[in-house]
């Protein structure tokens, strides 16, 4: 409940501040956000984080599958393998490679 209330308050404050700032300030913030997103250091950090996340997810999958063993339904195992195979070498929505 506390988190919902915090979220709602943040949403209201953001809306009020946004409406007071106007369109010009919105465009300025949008331009700044785009510049930050296109910064090579930010892109490299995001790609490194994505790669680390995939590595940890793979390790977690192996650790869980070893502990669960044959108790894991075949349909779930097949789904995970198909998702892993489909994602190899592809790019995600952020423009980072899945390598």
N, C-alpha and C. Protein backbone atom coordinates (compact mmCIF):
# COMPACT_ATOMS: atom_id res chain seq x y z
N UNK A 1 0.81 -1.18 0.00
CA UNK A 1 0.00 0.00 0.00
C UNK A 1 0.86 1.26 0.00
N UNK A 2 1.95 1.21 0.77
CA UNK A 2 2.83 2.37 0.85
C UNK A 2 3.44 2.69 -0.51
N UNK A 3 3.80 1.66 -1.25
CA UNK A 3 4.43 1.87 -2.55
C UNK A 3 3.43 2.43 -3.56
N UNK A 4 2.20 1.97 -3.47
CA UNK A 4 1.17 2.49 -4.37
C UNK A 4 0.92 3.97 -4.09
N UNK A 5 0.87 4.30 -2.82
CA UNK A 5 0.66 5.70 -2.45
C UNK A 5 1.82 6.56 -2.91
N UNK A 6 3.05 6.08 -2.73
CA UNK A 6 4.23 6.81 -3.18
C UNK A 6 4.19 7.00 -4.70
N UNK A 7 3.82 5.95 -5.41
CA UNK A 7 3.74 6.04 -6.87
C UNK A 7 2.68 7.06 -7.29
N UNK A 8 1.52 7.00 -6.65
CA UNK A 8 0.44 7.93 -6.99
C UNK A 8 0.84 9.38 -6.71
N UNK A 9 1.51 9.61 -5.58
CA UNK A 9 1.96 10.96 -5.26
C UNK A 9 2.99 11.42 -6.29
N UNK A 10 3.90 10.57 -6.64
CA UNK A 10 4.90 10.91 -7.66
C UNK A 10 4.26 11.21 -9.00
N UNK A 11 3.25 10.45 -9.35
CA UNK A 11 2.55 10.66 -10.60
C UNK A 11 1.85 12.03 -10.61
N UNK A 12 1.20 12.36 -9.52
CA UNK A 12 0.50 13.64 -9.42
C UNK A 12 1.49 14.81 -9.45
N UNK A 13 2.58 14.69 -8.70
CA UNK A 13 3.58 15.75 -8.68
C UNK A 13 4.18 15.94 -10.06
N UNK A 14 4.50 14.85 -10.73
CA UNK A 14 5.04 14.94 -12.08
C UNK A 14 4.08 15.58 -13.05
N UNK A 15 2.83 15.23 -12.92
CA UNK A 15 1.81 15.82 -13.81
C UNK A 15 1.70 17.33 -13.57
N UNK A 16 1.62 17.71 -12.30
CA UNK A 16 1.48 19.14 -11.98
C UNK A 16 2.69 19.92 -12.46
N UNK A 17 3.88 19.41 -12.18
CA UNK A 17 5.08 20.11 -12.61
C UNK A 17 5.18 20.15 -14.14
N UNK A 18 4.77 19.09 -14.77
CA UNK A 18 4.81 19.04 -16.23
C UNK A 18 3.86 20.03 -16.87
N UNK A 19 2.69 20.16 -16.31
CA UNK A 19 1.73 21.10 -16.89
C UNK A 19 2.14 22.54 -16.64
N UNK A 20 2.81 22.78 -15.55
CA UNK A 20 3.27 24.14 -15.27
C UNK A 20 4.47 24.52 -16.15
N UNK A 21 5.32 23.55 -16.43
CA UNK A 21 6.53 23.83 -17.21
C UNK A 21 6.20 24.15 -18.66
N UNK A 22 5.20 23.49 -19.21
CA UNK A 22 4.79 23.77 -20.57
C UNK A 22 5.56 22.96 -21.61
N UNK A 23 5.18 23.17 -22.85
CA UNK A 23 5.71 22.41 -23.98
C UNK A 23 7.19 22.69 -24.22
N UNK A 24 7.61 23.93 -24.03
CA UNK A 24 9.01 24.29 -24.28
C UNK A 24 9.95 23.51 -23.37
N UNK A 25 9.61 23.44 -22.11
CA UNK A 25 10.44 22.70 -21.16
C UNK A 25 10.43 21.21 -21.48
N UNK A 26 9.28 20.70 -21.90
CA UNK A 26 9.18 19.29 -22.30
C UNK A 26 10.13 18.98 -23.45
N UNK A 27 10.13 19.83 -24.45
CA UNK A 27 11.03 19.63 -25.60
C UNK A 27 12.49 19.71 -25.18
N UNK A 28 12.80 20.60 -24.25
CA UNK A 28 14.16 20.73 -23.76
C UNK A 28 14.58 19.44 -23.02
N UNK A 29 13.71 18.92 -22.18
CA UNK A 29 14.02 17.68 -21.46
C UNK A 29 14.15 16.50 -22.43
N UNK A 30 13.30 16.48 -23.44
CA UNK A 30 13.34 15.41 -24.44
C UNK A 30 14.67 15.44 -25.19
N UNK A 31 15.12 16.62 -25.56
CA UNK A 31 16.39 16.76 -26.27
C UNK A 31 17.55 16.31 -25.39
N UNK A 32 17.52 16.69 -24.12
CA UNK A 32 18.58 16.28 -23.18
C UNK A 32 18.60 14.77 -23.00
N UNK A 33 17.44 14.17 -22.88
CA UNK A 33 17.36 12.72 -22.71
C UNK A 33 17.90 12.01 -23.94
N UNK A 34 17.60 12.54 -25.12
CA UNK A 34 18.09 11.94 -26.36
C UNK A 34 19.62 12.02 -26.44
N UNK A 35 20.18 13.17 -26.03
CA UNK A 35 21.63 13.33 -26.04
C UNK A 35 22.31 12.36 -25.08
N UNK A 36 21.72 12.18 -23.91
CA UNK A 36 22.28 11.23 -22.94
C UNK A 36 22.22 9.82 -23.50
N UNK A 37 21.09 9.46 -24.10
CA UNK A 37 20.93 8.11 -24.65
C UNK A 37 21.90 7.84 -25.80
N UNK A 38 22.30 8.87 -26.54
CA UNK A 38 23.21 8.69 -27.66
C UNK A 38 24.68 8.80 -27.27
N UNK A 39 24.94 9.10 -26.03
CA UNK A 39 26.31 9.20 -25.53
C UNK A 39 26.96 7.82 -25.59
N UNK A 40 28.15 7.70 -26.20
CA UNK A 40 28.81 6.39 -26.30
C UNK A 40 29.07 5.72 -24.95
N UNK A 41 29.40 6.51 -23.94
CA UNK A 41 29.66 5.92 -22.62
C UNK A 41 28.38 5.29 -22.05
N UNK A 42 27.26 5.97 -22.23
CA UNK A 42 25.99 5.44 -21.75
C UNK A 42 25.61 4.19 -22.52
N UNK A 43 25.79 4.22 -23.83
CA UNK A 43 25.46 3.05 -24.66
C UNK A 43 26.33 1.85 -24.29
N UNK A 44 27.64 2.10 -24.07
CA UNK A 44 28.54 1.01 -23.68
C UNK A 44 28.15 0.44 -22.32
N UNK A 45 27.80 1.30 -21.40
CA UNK A 45 27.39 0.84 -20.07
C UNK A 45 26.10 0.03 -20.17
N UNK A 46 25.16 0.49 -20.97
CA UNK A 46 23.90 -0.24 -21.14
C UNK A 46 24.15 -1.61 -21.77
N UNK A 47 25.04 -1.66 -22.75
CA UNK A 47 25.33 -2.94 -23.39
C UNK A 47 26.04 -3.88 -22.43
N UNK A 48 26.97 -3.34 -21.65
CA UNK A 48 27.65 -4.17 -20.65
C UNK A 48 26.67 -4.71 -19.62
N UNK A 49 25.76 -3.87 -19.18
CA UNK A 49 24.74 -4.31 -18.21
C UNK A 49 23.87 -5.40 -18.82
N UNK A 50 23.50 -5.25 -20.08
CA UNK A 50 22.68 -6.25 -20.75
C UNK A 50 23.43 -7.58 -20.87
N UNK A 51 24.70 -7.50 -21.23
CA UNK A 51 25.50 -8.72 -21.34
C UNK A 51 25.66 -9.40 -19.99
N UNK A 52 25.93 -8.62 -18.97
CA UNK A 52 26.06 -9.18 -17.63
C UNK A 52 24.75 -9.81 -17.18
N UNK A 53 23.65 -9.15 -17.47
CA UNK A 53 22.34 -9.69 -17.11
C UNK A 53 22.07 -11.02 -17.80
N UNK A 54 22.41 -11.10 -19.08
CA UNK A 54 22.23 -12.37 -19.80
C UNK A 54 23.13 -13.46 -19.23
N UNK A 55 24.36 -13.09 -18.86
CA UNK A 55 25.28 -14.08 -18.29
C UNK A 55 24.75 -14.59 -16.95
N UNK A 56 24.29 -13.68 -16.10
CA UNK A 56 23.75 -14.10 -14.81
C UNK A 56 22.47 -14.92 -14.98
N UNK A 57 21.66 -14.55 -15.94
CA UNK A 57 20.43 -15.31 -16.19
C UNK A 57 20.77 -16.73 -16.65
N UNK A 58 21.79 -16.85 -17.50
CA UNK A 58 22.22 -18.18 -17.94
C UNK A 58 22.74 -19.02 -16.79
N UNK A 59 23.54 -18.40 -15.92
CA UNK A 59 24.06 -19.12 -14.75
C UNK A 59 22.91 -19.53 -13.83
N UNK A 60 21.96 -18.63 -13.63
CA UNK A 60 20.82 -18.93 -12.77
C UNK A 60 20.00 -20.07 -13.36
N UNK A 61 19.81 -20.05 -14.68
CA UNK A 61 19.06 -21.12 -15.33
C UNK A 61 19.72 -22.47 -15.10
N UNK A 62 21.06 -22.51 -15.27
CA UNK A 62 21.77 -23.78 -15.07
C UNK A 62 21.71 -24.22 -13.62
N UNK A 63 21.86 -23.27 -12.69
CA UNK A 63 21.81 -23.63 -11.27
C UNK A 63 20.43 -24.16 -10.89
N UNK A 64 19.41 -23.50 -11.37
CA UNK A 64 18.04 -23.95 -11.04
C UNK A 64 17.74 -25.27 -11.71
N UNK A 65 18.14 -25.42 -12.97
CA UNK A 65 17.84 -26.67 -13.67
C UNK A 65 18.58 -27.85 -13.05
N UNK A 66 19.78 -27.61 -12.50
CA UNK A 66 20.49 -28.69 -11.82
C UNK A 66 19.77 -29.09 -10.54
N UNK A 67 19.25 -28.12 -9.81
CA UNK A 67 18.57 -28.41 -8.55
C UNK A 67 17.18 -29.00 -8.79
N UNK A 68 16.50 -28.50 -9.81
CA UNK A 68 15.16 -28.99 -10.07
C UNK A 68 15.21 -30.33 -10.78
N UNK A 69 16.18 -30.47 -11.67
CA UNK A 69 16.38 -31.73 -12.37
C UNK A 69 15.20 -32.11 -13.23
N UNK A 70 14.71 -33.32 -13.04
CA UNK A 70 13.62 -33.86 -13.87
C UNK A 70 12.25 -33.33 -13.45
N UNK A 71 12.18 -32.56 -12.39
CA UNK A 71 10.89 -32.04 -11.92
C UNK A 71 10.37 -30.92 -12.81
N UNK A 72 11.24 -30.33 -13.61
CA UNK A 72 10.85 -29.25 -14.51
C UNK A 72 10.08 -29.83 -15.70
N UNK A 73 8.88 -29.36 -15.94
CA UNK A 73 8.11 -29.88 -17.08
C UNK A 73 8.85 -29.65 -18.39
N UNK A 74 8.71 -30.59 -19.30
CA UNK A 74 9.39 -30.50 -20.59
C UNK A 74 8.97 -29.25 -21.38
N UNK A 75 7.72 -28.86 -21.25
CA UNK A 75 7.24 -27.71 -22.01
C UNK A 75 7.98 -26.43 -21.60
N UNK A 76 8.28 -26.29 -20.33
CA UNK A 76 9.01 -25.11 -19.86
C UNK A 76 10.45 -25.15 -20.35
N UNK A 77 11.08 -26.30 -20.23
CA UNK A 77 12.46 -26.43 -20.71
C UNK A 77 12.58 -26.16 -22.19
N UNK A 78 11.62 -26.66 -22.97
CA UNK A 78 11.64 -26.43 -24.41
C UNK A 78 11.44 -24.94 -24.73
N UNK A 79 10.56 -24.30 -23.98
CA UNK A 79 10.29 -22.87 -24.21
C UNK A 79 11.54 -22.04 -23.93
N UNK A 80 12.22 -22.34 -22.84
CA UNK A 80 13.43 -21.60 -22.50
C UNK A 80 14.51 -21.81 -23.56
N UNK A 81 14.68 -23.04 -24.01
CA UNK A 81 15.67 -23.31 -25.05
C UNK A 81 15.33 -22.59 -26.35
N UNK A 82 14.05 -22.56 -26.72
CA UNK A 82 13.67 -21.90 -27.97
C UNK A 82 13.88 -20.39 -27.87
N UNK A 83 13.60 -19.81 -26.71
CA UNK A 83 13.85 -18.38 -26.53
C UNK A 83 15.33 -18.06 -26.60
N UNK A 84 16.14 -18.92 -26.00
CA UNK A 84 17.59 -18.70 -26.02
C UNK A 84 18.12 -18.80 -27.44
N UNK A 85 17.68 -19.80 -28.20
CA UNK A 85 18.16 -19.97 -29.58
C UNK A 85 17.69 -18.82 -30.47
N UNK A 86 16.47 -18.37 -30.28
CA UNK A 86 15.93 -17.29 -31.10
C UNK A 86 16.68 -15.99 -30.86
N UNK A 87 17.13 -15.75 -29.64
CA UNK A 87 17.75 -14.50 -29.28
C UNK A 87 19.22 -14.39 -29.63
N UNK A 88 19.87 -15.46 -30.01
CA UNK A 88 21.30 -15.41 -30.29
C UNK A 88 21.58 -14.60 -31.54
N UNK A 89 22.48 -13.61 -31.39
CA UNK A 89 22.91 -12.82 -32.53
C UNK A 89 21.95 -11.72 -32.94
N UNK A 90 20.83 -11.62 -32.26
CA UNK A 90 19.84 -10.59 -32.61
C UNK A 90 20.10 -9.33 -31.81
N UNK A 91 19.49 -8.24 -32.25
CA UNK A 91 19.59 -6.99 -31.50
C UNK A 91 18.30 -6.77 -30.74
N UNK A 92 18.44 -6.21 -29.55
CA UNK A 92 17.25 -5.91 -28.77
C UNK A 92 16.74 -4.52 -29.10
N UNK A 93 15.70 -4.07 -28.41
CA UNK A 93 15.07 -2.78 -28.69
C UNK A 93 15.98 -1.60 -28.43
N UNK A 94 17.03 -1.80 -27.65
CA UNK A 94 17.92 -0.70 -27.28
C UNK A 94 19.09 -0.56 -28.25
N UNK A 95 19.16 -1.43 -29.24
CA UNK A 95 20.24 -1.35 -30.22
C UNK A 95 21.49 -2.05 -29.77
N UNK A 96 21.40 -2.83 -28.68
CA UNK A 96 22.57 -3.57 -28.22
C UNK A 96 22.48 -4.98 -28.77
N UNK A 97 23.62 -5.59 -28.96
CA UNK A 97 23.63 -6.94 -29.51
C UNK A 97 23.46 -7.95 -28.39
N UNK A 98 22.90 -9.08 -28.72
CA UNK A 98 22.69 -10.16 -27.75
C UNK A 98 23.84 -11.16 -27.81
N UNK A 99 25.05 -10.69 -27.78
CA UNK A 99 26.19 -11.59 -27.85
C UNK A 99 26.82 -11.75 -26.51
